[in-house]
C-alpha atoms as a PDB file:
ATOM      1  CA  ARG A   1    -161.666  66.592-215.321  1.00  0.00           C
ATOM      2  CA  SER A   2    -161.990  63.840-217.884  1.00  0.00           C
ATOM      3  CA  SER A   3    -165.436  62.822-216.621  1.00  0.00           C
ATOM      4  CA  LEU A   4    -166.715  66.397-216.684  1.00  0.00           C
ATOM      5  CA  HIS A   5    -165.547  66.878-220.253  1.00  0.00           C
ATOM      6  CA  LYS A   6    -167.248  63.659-221.283  1.00  0.00           C
ATOM      7  CA  ASN A   7    -170.423  64.524-219.404  1.00  0.00           C
ATOM      8  CA  PRO A   8    -170.791  68.286-218.858  1.00  0.00           C
ATOM      9  CA  PHE A   9    -174.101  67.685-217.047  1.00  0.00           C
ATOM     10  CA  MET A  10    -172.464  65.749-214.197  1.00  0.00           C
ATOM     11  CA  LYS A  11    -172.797  67.448-210.793  1.00  0.00           C
ATOM     12  CA  VAL A  12    -170.339  67.094-207.906  1.00  0.00           C
ATOM     13  CA  PHE A  13    -170.978  67.630-204.186  1.00  0.00           C
ATOM     14  CA  VAL A  14    -167.942  68.086-201.916  1.00  0.00           C
ATOM     15  CA  ALA A  15    -168.303  68.117-198.111  1.00  0.00           C
ATOM     16  CA  SER A  16    -165.345  69.364-196.074  1.00  0.00           C
ATOM     17  CA  GLY A  17    -164.722  69.779-192.375  1.00  0.00           C
ATOM     18  CA  PHE A  18    -163.015  72.935-191.130  1.00  0.00           C
ATOM     19  CA  PHE A  19    -160.913  70.971-188.636  1.00  0.00           C
ATOM     20  CA  ASP A  20    -159.855  68.175-190.971  1.00  0.00           C
ATOM     21  CA  LEU A  21    -156.133  67.474-191.092  1.00  0.00           C
ATOM     22  CA  ALA A  22    -156.466  64.523-193.497  1.00  0.00           C
ATOM     23  CA  THR A  23    -158.266  66.373-196.287  1.00  0.00           C
ATOM     24  CA  PRO A  24    -158.191  70.134-195.543  1.00  0.00           C
ATOM     25  CA  HIS A  25    -161.054  72.136-197.034  1.00  0.00           C
ATOM     26  CA  PHE A  26    -158.629  74.554-198.689  1.00  0.00           C
ATOM     27  CA  ALA A  27    -157.235  71.610-200.658  1.00  0.00           C
ATOM     28  CA  THR A  28    -160.698  71.183-202.163  1.00  0.00           C
ATOM     29  CA  TYR A  29    -160.702  74.746-203.459  1.00  0.00           C
ATOM     30  CA  TYR A  30    -157.144  74.447-204.717  1.00  0.00           C
ATOM     31  CA  THR A  31    -157.989  71.253-206.605  1.00  0.00           C
ATOM     32  CA  LEU A  32    -161.192  72.659-208.126  1.00  0.00           C
ATOM     33  CA  ASN A  33    -159.424  75.854-209.193  1.00  0.00           C
ATOM     34  CA  HIS A  34    -156.525  73.979-210.783  1.00  0.00           C
ATOM     35  CA  MET A  35    -158.390  71.279-212.709  1.00  0.00           C
ATOM     36  CA  GLY A  36    -157.819  72.956-216.044  1.00  0.00           C
ATOM     37  CA  LEU A  37    -161.452  72.757-217.059  1.00  0.00           C
ATOM     38  CA  LYS A  38    -161.839  73.852-220.662  1.00  0.00           C
ATOM     39  CA  GLN A  39    -165.498  74.797-220.359  1.00  0.00           C
ATOM     40  CA  GLU A  40    -166.048  77.655-217.915  1.00  0.00           C
ATOM     41  CA  ALA A  41    -169.718  76.686-217.478  1.00  0.00           C
ATOM     42  CA  VAL A  42    -168.737  73.284-216.057  1.00  0.00           C
ATOM     43  CA  LYS A  43    -167.312  75.011-212.965  1.00  0.00           C
ATOM     44  CA  THR A  44    -170.866  75.714-211.830  1.00  0.00           C
ATOM     45  CA  ASN A  45    -171.444  71.942-211.573  1.00  0.00           C
ATOM     46  CA  PHE A  46    -169.588  71.874-208.247  1.00  0.00           C
ATOM     47  CA  VAL A  47    -171.287  72.415-204.907  1.00  0.00           C
ATOM     48  CA  THR A  48    -168.994  72.735-201.897  1.00  0.00           C
ATOM     49  CA  LYS A  49    -170.115  72.815-198.281  1.00  0.00           C
ATOM     50  CA  GLU A  50    -168.064  73.226-195.140  1.00  0.00           C
ATOM     51  CA  TYR A  51    -168.864  71.902-191.691  1.00  0.00           C
ATOM     52  CA  GLU A  52    -167.604  72.825-188.252  1.00  0.00           C
ATOM     53  CA  ALA A  53    -166.530  69.287-187.458  1.00  0.00           C
ATOM     54  CA  GLY A  54    -163.483  67.502-188.792  1.00  0.00           C
ATOM     55  CA  HIS A  55    -162.966  64.651-191.228  1.00  0.00           C
ATOM     56  CA  MET A  56    -165.993  62.645-190.086  1.00  0.00           C
ATOM     57  CA  MET A  57    -168.581  65.404-189.879  1.00  0.00           C
ATOM     58  CA  TYR A  58    -171.337  62.811-190.084  1.00  0.00           C
ATOM     59  CA  ILE A  59    -170.660  61.627-186.494  1.00  0.00           C
ATOM     60  CA  HIS A  60    -171.091  65.150-185.058  1.00  0.00           C
ATOM     61  CA  GLN A  61    -174.817  65.571-184.316  1.00  0.00           C
ATOM     62  CA  GLY A  62    -175.223  69.144-185.507  1.00  0.00           C
ATOM     63  CA  CYS A  63    -173.041  68.671-188.564  1.00  0.00           C
ATOM     64  CA  HIS A  64    -174.727  65.371-189.427  1.00  0.00           C
ATOM     65  CA  ALA A  65    -178.113  67.076-189.607  1.00  0.00           C
ATOM     66  CA  GLN A  66    -176.729  69.908-191.756  1.00  0.00           C
ATOM     67  CA  LEU A  67    -174.877  67.459-194.016  1.00  0.00           C
ATOM     68  CA  ALA A  68    -178.052  65.432-194.540  1.00  0.00           C
ATOM     69  CA  GLU A  69    -180.008  68.590-195.370  1.00  0.00           C
ATOM     70  CA  ASP A  70    -177.326  69.764-197.811  1.00  0.00           C
ATOM     71  CA  VAL A  71    -177.090  66.376-199.556  1.00  0.00           C
ATOM     72  CA  PHE A  72    -180.860  66.157-199.939  1.00  0.00           C
ATOM     73  CA  ALA A  73    -180.952  69.710-201.327  1.00  0.00           C
ATOM     74  CA  PHE A  74    -178.178  68.824-203.781  1.00  0.00           C
ATOM     75  CA  ILE A  75    -180.045  65.721-204.966  1.00  0.00           C
ATOM     76  CA  ARG A  76    -183.277  67.678-205.358  1.00  0.00           C
ATOM     77  CA  SER A  77    -181.473  70.395-207.354  1.00  0.00           C
ATOM     78  CA  THR A  78    -179.942  67.875-209.765  1.00  0.00           C
ATOM     79  CA  LYS A  79    -183.275  66.141-210.227  1.00  0.00           C
ATOM     80  CA  ALA A  80    -185.020  69.467-210.952  1.00  0.00           C
ATOM     81  CA  ARG A  81    -182.511  70.343-213.684  1.00  0.00           C
ATOM     82  CA  ARG A  82    -183.038  67.062-215.546  1.00  0.00           C
ATOM     83  CA  GLN A  83    -186.801  67.374-215.884  1.00  0.00           C
END
């Protein structure tokens, strides 16, 4: 929250696995919705993606490919906004 208030242009990508007992994807939504962000527009700086695999979705072949595609799309979208 502090970082977003200091830099409202910061973007955040969160990847969650549906079958993740260590960091459940619903905890991500709970945390994002309870951050107490003062600026409503800053909430659009978050991109969340869910994957069929668990905690280490990057070792599941199908999820790894989708994760890579989503991360690259996120990076391209942040680059496009700066120019």
